[in-house]
Amino acid sequence: MKILGIGNAIVDVICKVNEEFLIQNNLTKGTMKLIFDENEFKNLLKTLKIEKTVSGGSVANSIVGLSQLGNKVGFIGKVSDDELGIKYEKGLKKENVKYFYTKKEEVLPTGTCLILVTPDSERTMCTFLGTAGKINENDVNSESIKNSEIIFLEGYLWDEGEPKKAFDKAINNANKVAMSLSDQFCVDRHKPHFLNLVQNNLDIVFANEQEITSLFEAKDFKEVINFSKVLNKLIVVTRGEKGAIAVKGEEIYECGIQKNLKIVDLTGAGDLFAAGFLHGYVNKFSIGESLKKGTELSSKVIQKIGARL
């Protein structure tokens, strides 16, 4: 298998909202808020008109993108044997993703993420992790990891306790490890752990400019570049209108954005960028060509609603 993703198995529920809705609910635009109270989550959902539901989660979105490009891929993520869990599994299988997880009835329901899209196309997420956040080492199939060229992890998955054990088991059995930092709040919560992972365990790191600047506690982007050079890992950073950049040792590669796009929804932009880049990487493209492929996929996905091409 080319790539095996391990992440939070989340059903994405996409809704359009105005700026006022975010203010009323104390939400910071462009970030992801974790909701721990199931009733609070249900009350928020009650007030919204649902545009679309998709088998999502950050890494799952990337894995589906890789499958659509013709790569042999798989996914591990925890769901419950409930209505959404059944939909989740069917959604992945429909996209030719091998699902390495046997669902059973859990105490908590299948995880859900409200993706709130404002008129400026920015997305703000409210996630009720449900059983997805309870993934443990027994849920991680060692053989499927050993048989994959690369495993792809998400920062959202990392948490103390059982999820960390699942993370460690995956890394210890992997041939190569790629990881997305996921979200700036995520980076700020787990900074020492993430820095340790980047320095000692990861081969490829995906981040946006804010996330990587926060992780390295850099004063400016030049410091980010210098620190990345010293690490001698493959650090891949998306920079919005400034395009994307990859650093491997002393080598720096850059790629501009595609112009004149009709942007509808930024959901999945980073996930599909990672899919495009990893597609290039596992199919022996140059790093520059991989950046272009990532940019091509992210440009396509932001011109439609949701995180699917």
Protein backbone atom coordinates (compact mmCIF):
# COMPACT_ATOMS: atom_id res chain seq x y z
CA MET A 1 0.00 0.00 0.00
CA LYS A 2 1.23 3.49 -0.83
CA ILE A 3 -0.18 5.49 2.09
CA LEU A 4 -2.14 4.63 5.22
CA GLY A 5 -3.88 7.49 7.00
CA ILE A 6 -4.61 7.40 10.72
CA GLY A 7 -6.88 10.11 12.05
CA ASN A 8 -10.11 11.16 13.63
CA ALA A 9 -13.04 9.55 11.79
CA ILE A 10 -15.43 12.49 11.67
CA VAL A 11 -18.63 13.03 9.72
CA ASP A 12 -18.43 16.57 8.28
CA VAL A 13 -21.67 18.53 8.43
CA ILE A 14 -21.35 21.61 6.20
CA CYS A 15 -23.53 24.67 6.90
CA LYS A 16 -23.53 28.26 5.63
CA VAL A 17 -23.64 30.97 8.32
CA ASN A 18 -23.18 34.74 8.60
CA GLU A 19 -20.51 36.54 10.66
CA GLU A 20 -23.11 37.32 13.34
CA PHE A 21 -23.61 33.61 14.07
CA LEU A 22 -19.91 33.25 14.92
CA ILE A 23 -20.00 36.28 17.23
CA GLN A 24 -23.18 35.09 19.01
CA ASN A 25 -21.62 31.68 19.66
CA ASN A 26 -18.18 33.02 20.71
CA LEU A 27 -16.42 31.31 17.79
CA THR A 28 -13.09 32.51 16.37
CA LYS A 29 -13.25 32.57 12.59
CA GLY A 30 -10.92 30.16 10.80
CA THR A 31 -10.22 27.95 13.82
CA MET A 32 -11.46 24.63 15.16
CA LYS A 33 -13.23 24.51 18.53
CA LEU A 34 -13.61 21.23 20.40
CA ILE A 35 -16.99 20.75 22.06
CA PHE A 36 -17.06 18.21 24.85
CA ASP A 37 -20.76 18.39 25.80
CA GLU A 38 -22.96 16.36 23.44
CA ASN A 39 -26.06 18.45 24.31
CA GLU A 40 -24.24 21.72 23.59
CA PHE A 41 -23.27 20.32 20.21
CA LYS A 42 -26.82 19.17 19.43
CA ASN A 43 -28.25 22.58 20.38
CA LEU A 44 -25.82 24.32 18.05
CA LEU A 45 -26.73 21.95 15.21
CA LYS A 46 -30.48 22.51 15.76
CA THR A 47 -30.24 26.14 14.62
CA LEU A 48 -28.45 25.36 11.33
CA LYS A 49 -29.45 24.39 7.81
CA ILE A 50 -27.29 21.48 6.62
CA GLU A 51 -25.87 21.83 3.11
CA LYS A 52 -24.03 18.51 2.92
CA THR A 53 -22.63 15.59 5.00
CA VAL A 54 -19.36 13.80 4.12
CA SER A 55 -17.14 11.07 5.65
CA GLY A 56 -14.42 13.44 6.76
CA GLY A 57 -11.68 14.21 9.19
CA SER A 58 -8.52 15.93 8.02
CA VAL A 59 -6.38 12.91 7.11
CA ALA A 60 -9.39 11.00 5.73
CA ASN A 61 -9.96 13.90 3.29
CA SER A 62 -6.32 13.63 2.15
CA ILE A 63 -6.58 9.85 1.78
CA VAL A 64 -9.71 10.14 -0.38
CA GLY A 65 -7.88 12.70 -2.55
CA LEU A 66 -4.97 10.26 -2.94
CA SER A 67 -7.39 7.47 -3.88
CA GLN A 68 -9.01 9.69 -6.51
CA LEU A 69 -5.55 10.16 -8.04
CA GLY A 70 -5.25 6.38 -8.42
CA ASN A 71 -3.11 5.51 -5.39
CA LYS A 72 -3.67 2.39 -3.28
CA VAL A 73 -4.54 3.79 0.16
CA GLY A 74 -6.11 2.88 3.49
CA PHE A 75 -7.44 4.54 6.63
CA ILE A 76 -7.73 3.77 10.34
CA GLY A 77 -10.20 5.76 12.43
CA LYS A 78 -12.62 4.88 15.22
CA VAL A 79 -16.39 5.04 14.72
CA SER A 80 -19.34 3.58 16.58
CA ASP A 81 -21.76 1.07 15.06
CA ASP A 82 -24.48 3.73 14.72
CA GLU A 83 -26.16 5.44 11.77
CA LEU A 84 -23.32 7.91 11.19
CA GLY A 85 -20.68 5.21 11.69
CA ILE A 86 -22.31 3.04 9.01
CA LYS A 87 -22.47 6.07 6.68
CA TYR A 88 -18.83 6.85 7.40
CA GLU A 89 -17.61 3.37 6.44
CA LYS A 90 -19.75 3.29 3.29
CA GLY A 91 -18.47 6.75 2.29
CA LEU A 92 -14.82 5.63 2.45
CA LYS A 93 -15.41 2.33 0.67
CA LYS A 94 -17.24 4.17 -2.12
CA GLU A 95 -14.00 6.13 -2.66
CA ASN A 96 -11.91 2.92 -2.89
CA VAL A 97 -10.25 3.50 0.47
CA LYS A 98 -9.49 0.31 2.41
CA TYR A 99 -10.89 0.81 5.91
CA PHE A 100 -8.78 -0.98 8.51
CA TYR A 101 -11.25 -0.78 11.37
CA THR A 102 -14.02 -3.06 12.58
CA LYS A 103 -16.75 -0.95 14.14
CA LYS A 104 -18.74 -1.97 17.21
CA GLU A 105 -21.23 -0.22 19.45
CA GLU A 106 -19.39 2.32 21.61
CA VAL A 107 -20.42 4.38 24.63
CA LEU A 108 -19.97 7.59 22.62
CA PRO A 109 -21.47 8.19 19.16
CA THR A 110 -19.50 8.61 15.92
CA GLY A 111 -17.64 11.95 15.82
CA THR A 112 -19.13 14.95 14.01
CA CYS A 113 -17.69 18.26 12.81
CA LEU A 114 -19.80 21.29 12.01
CA ILE A 115 -18.09 23.21 9.22
CA LEU A 116 -19.49 26.75 9.29
CA VAL A 117 -18.82 28.58 6.03
CA THR A 118 -19.11 32.41 6.14
CA PRO A 119 -19.77 34.59 3.04
CA ASP A 120 -16.00 35.21 2.64
CA SER A 121 -15.55 31.40 2.11
CA GLU A 122 -13.60 31.00 5.38
CA ARG A 123 -14.51 27.94 7.43
CA THR A 124 -14.85 27.73 11.20
CA MET A 125 -15.19 24.30 12.75
CA CYS A 126 -16.92 22.96 15.85
CA THR A 127 -16.01 19.35 16.52
CA PHE A 128 -17.63 16.84 18.83
CA LEU A 129 -15.07 14.03 18.70
CA GLY A 130 -17.35 11.37 20.11
CA THR A 131 -15.73 7.96 19.93
CA ALA A 132 -13.13 9.15 17.37
CA GLY A 133 -11.16 10.74 20.21
CA LYS A 134 -11.07 7.44 22.11
CA ILE A 135 -8.83 5.64 19.60
CA ASN A 136 -6.32 3.36 21.32
CA GLU A 137 -3.42 1.09 20.41
CA ASN A 138 -5.74 -1.92 19.93
CA ASP A 139 -7.49 -0.01 17.12
CA VAL A 140 -4.22 0.34 15.20
CA ASN A 141 -3.36 -2.56 12.88
CA SER A 142 0.44 -3.08 12.97
CA GLU A 143 0.57 -5.21 9.82
CA SER A 144 -1.24 -2.63 7.70
CA ILE A 145 1.25 0.00 8.93
CA LYS A 146 4.29 -2.17 8.15
CA ASN A 147 2.89 -2.85 4.66
CA SER A 148 2.51 0.86 3.83
CA GLU A 149 5.23 3.03 2.30
CA ILE A 150 4.16 6.01 4.41
CA ILE A 151 1.71 6.59 7.24
CA PHE A 152 0.01 9.96 7.44
CA LEU A 153 -1.06 11.28 10.86
CA GLU A 154 -2.91 14.39 11.98
CA GLY A 155 -2.15 16.64 14.94
CA TYR A 156 -5.86 16.61 15.81
CA LEU A 157 -5.49 12.94 16.78
CA TRP A 158 -2.69 13.50 19.28
CA ASP A 159 -3.82 13.60 22.89
CA GLU A 160 -2.50 12.34 26.20
CA GLY A 161 -3.51 8.82 27.22
CA GLU A 162 -4.94 6.25 24.79
CA PRO A 163 -4.66 8.31 21.56
CA LYS A 164 -0.97 8.97 22.29
CA LYS A 165 -0.39 5.21 22.68
CA ALA A 166 -2.09 4.65 19.31
CA PHE A 167 0.11 7.38 17.80
CA ASP A 168 3.29 5.85 19.28
CA LYS A 169 2.40 2.35 18.06
CA ALA A 170 1.82 3.70 14.55
CA ILE A 171 5.14 5.58 14.48
CA ASN A 172 7.10 2.63 15.91
CA ASN A 173 5.84 0.29 13.17
CA ALA A 174 6.07 2.72 10.25
CA ASN A 175 8.53 2.82 7.34
CA LYS A 176 8.08 6.60 6.93
CA VAL A 177 5.91 9.08 8.83
CA ALA A 178 4.19 12.22 7.55
CA MET A 179 2.08 14.43 9.80
CA SER A 180 -0.07 17.52 9.51
CA LEU A 181 0.06 19.98 12.41
CA SER A 182 -3.69 20.49 11.80
CA ASP A 183 -4.52 23.75 13.59
CA GLN A 184 -2.80 26.56 15.50
CA PHE A 185 -4.81 25.90 18.68
CA CYS A 186 -3.69 22.26 18.39
CA VAL A 187 -0.05 23.36 18.09
CA ASP A 188 -0.34 25.71 21.06
CA ARG A 189 -1.90 22.98 23.23
CA HIS A 190 0.76 20.37 22.44
CA LYS A 191 3.80 22.46 21.50
CA PRO A 192 6.60 20.55 23.35
CA HIS A 193 5.23 17.18 22.17
CA PHE A 194 4.82 18.31 18.56
CA LEU A 195 8.31 19.81 18.51
CA ASN A 196 9.71 16.54 19.81
CA LEU A 197 7.81 14.62 17.11
CA VAL A 198 9.10 16.93 14.36
CA GLN A 199 12.69 16.67 15.58
CA ASN A 200 12.79 12.94 16.28
CA ASN A 201 9.99 10.96 14.62
CA LEU A 202 8.65 12.57 11.46
CA ASP A 203 9.97 12.45 7.91
CA ILE A 204 7.49 14.95 6.40
CA VAL A 205 5.68 17.79 8.18
CA PHE A 206 2.71 19.71 6.73
CA ALA A 207 1.70 23.06 8.25
CA ASN A 208 0.41 26.47 7.37
CA GLU A 209 2.50 29.55 8.12
CA GLN A 210 0.77 30.36 11.43
CA GLU A 211 1.11 26.81 12.76
CA ILE A 212 4.80 26.40 11.93
CA THR A 213 5.67 29.92 13.20
CA SER A 214 3.94 29.12 16.49
CA LEU A 215 5.62 25.70 16.79
CA PHE A 216 9.12 27.10 16.23
CA GLU A 217 8.31 30.26 18.24
CA ALA A 218 9.81 32.18 15.32
CA LYS A 219 9.80 35.98 15.07
CA ASP A 220 9.35 35.89 11.30
CA PHE A 221 9.25 33.48 8.37
CA LYS A 222 13.01 33.76 7.80
CA GLU A 223 13.49 32.16 11.23
CA VAL A 224 11.09 29.38 10.22
CA ILE A 225 13.23 28.68 7.13
CA ASN A 226 16.48 28.68 9.12
CA PHE A 227 15.11 26.34 11.79
CA SER A 228 13.70 24.02 9.10
CA LYS A 229 17.11 23.82 7.42
CA VAL A 230 18.76 22.70 10.65
CA LEU A 231 16.13 19.98 11.22
CA ASN A 232 16.97 18.38 7.86
CA LYS A 233 13.41 16.99 7.53
CA LEU A 234 11.00 17.71 4.69
CA ILE A 235 9.00 20.69 6.00
CA VAL A 236 6.11 21.72 3.72
CA VAL A 237 4.35 25.01 4.46
CA THR A 238 1.29 26.59 2.82
CA ARG A 239 1.29 30.42 2.96
CA GLY A 240 -2.10 31.48 1.57
CA GLU A 241 -1.65 34.10 -1.15
CA LYS A 242 2.15 33.67 -0.96
CA GLY A 243 1.88 30.10 -2.25
CA ALA A 244 3.70 27.13 -0.73
CA ILE A 245 7.27 26.32 0.21
CA ALA A 246 9.21 23.15 1.05
CA VAL A 247 12.51 22.99 2.92
CA LYS A 248 14.81 19.95 3.00
CA GLY A 249 18.22 20.67 4.49
CA GLU A 250 19.73 23.57 2.55
CA GLU A 251 17.32 23.11 -0.37
CA ILE A 252 14.31 25.45 -0.64
CA TYR A 253 11.48 24.95 -3.14
CA GLU A 254 8.67 27.42 -3.81
CA CYS A 255 5.39 27.36 -5.72
CA GLY A 256 3.01 30.26 -6.36
CA ILE A 257 -0.78 30.13 -6.16
CA GLN A 258 -3.11 29.67 -9.11
CA LYS A 259 -4.73 32.99 -10.06
CA ASN A 260 -8.32 34.07 -10.85
CA LEU A 261 -10.02 31.28 -8.93
CA LYS A 262 -13.67 31.54 -7.96
CA ILE A 263 -13.27 30.64 -4.28
CA VAL A 264 -16.42 29.13 -2.75
CA ASP A 265 -15.24 27.33 0.40
CA LEU A 266 -11.75 26.89 1.93
CA THR A 267 -12.73 23.60 3.62
CA GLY A 268 -10.21 20.90 2.79
CA ALA A 269 -7.68 23.23 1.13
CA GLY A 270 -4.83 22.03 3.37
CA ASP A 271 -6.02 18.40 3.28
CA LEU A 272 -6.08 18.29 -0.53
CA PHE A 273 -2.77 20.15 -0.74
CA ALA A 274 -1.25 17.35 1.38
CA ALA A 275 -2.91 14.74 -0.88
CA GLY A 276 -1.41 16.31 -4.00
CA PHE A 277 2.04 16.64 -2.45
CA LEU A 278 2.07 13.07 -1.13
CA HIS A 279 0.86 11.79 -4.50
CA GLY A 280 3.91 13.42 -6.04
CA TYR A 281 6.21 12.16 -3.30
CA VAL A 282 5.21 8.47 -3.47
CA ASN A 283 5.22 8.52 -7.27
CA LYS A 284 8.80 9.87 -7.37
CA PHE A 285 8.02 13.42 -8.53
CA SER A 286 10.58 16.09 -7.64
CA ILE A 287 9.79 18.19 -4.56
CA GLY A 288 9.00 21.16 -6.82
CA GLU A 289 6.56 19.05 -8.90
CA SER A 290 4.98 17.71 -5.70
CA LEU A 291 4.37 21.29 -4.51
CA LYS A 292 2.69 22.06 -7.84
CA LYS A 293 0.45 19.00 -7.55
CA GLY A 294 -0.54 20.02 -4.02
CA THR A 295 -1.35 23.54 -5.21
CA GLU A 296 -3.37 22.17 -8.14
CA LEU A 297 -5.56 20.02 -5.87
CA SER A 298 -6.10 22.71 -3.24
CA SER A 299 -7.02 25.18 -6.02
CA LYS A 300 -9.66 22.77 -7.31
CA VAL A 301 -11.25 21.99 -3.94
CA ILE A 302 -11.68 25.63 -2.84
CA GLN A 303 -13.86 26.25 -5.90
CA LYS A 304 -16.56 23.93 -4.57
CA ILE A 305 -18.38 23.25 -1.30
CA GLY A 306 -16.76 20.61 0.92
CA ALA A 307 -13.47 18.76 0.98
CA ARG A 308 -13.99 16.43 -1.99
CA LEU A 309 -12.84 16.88 -5.58
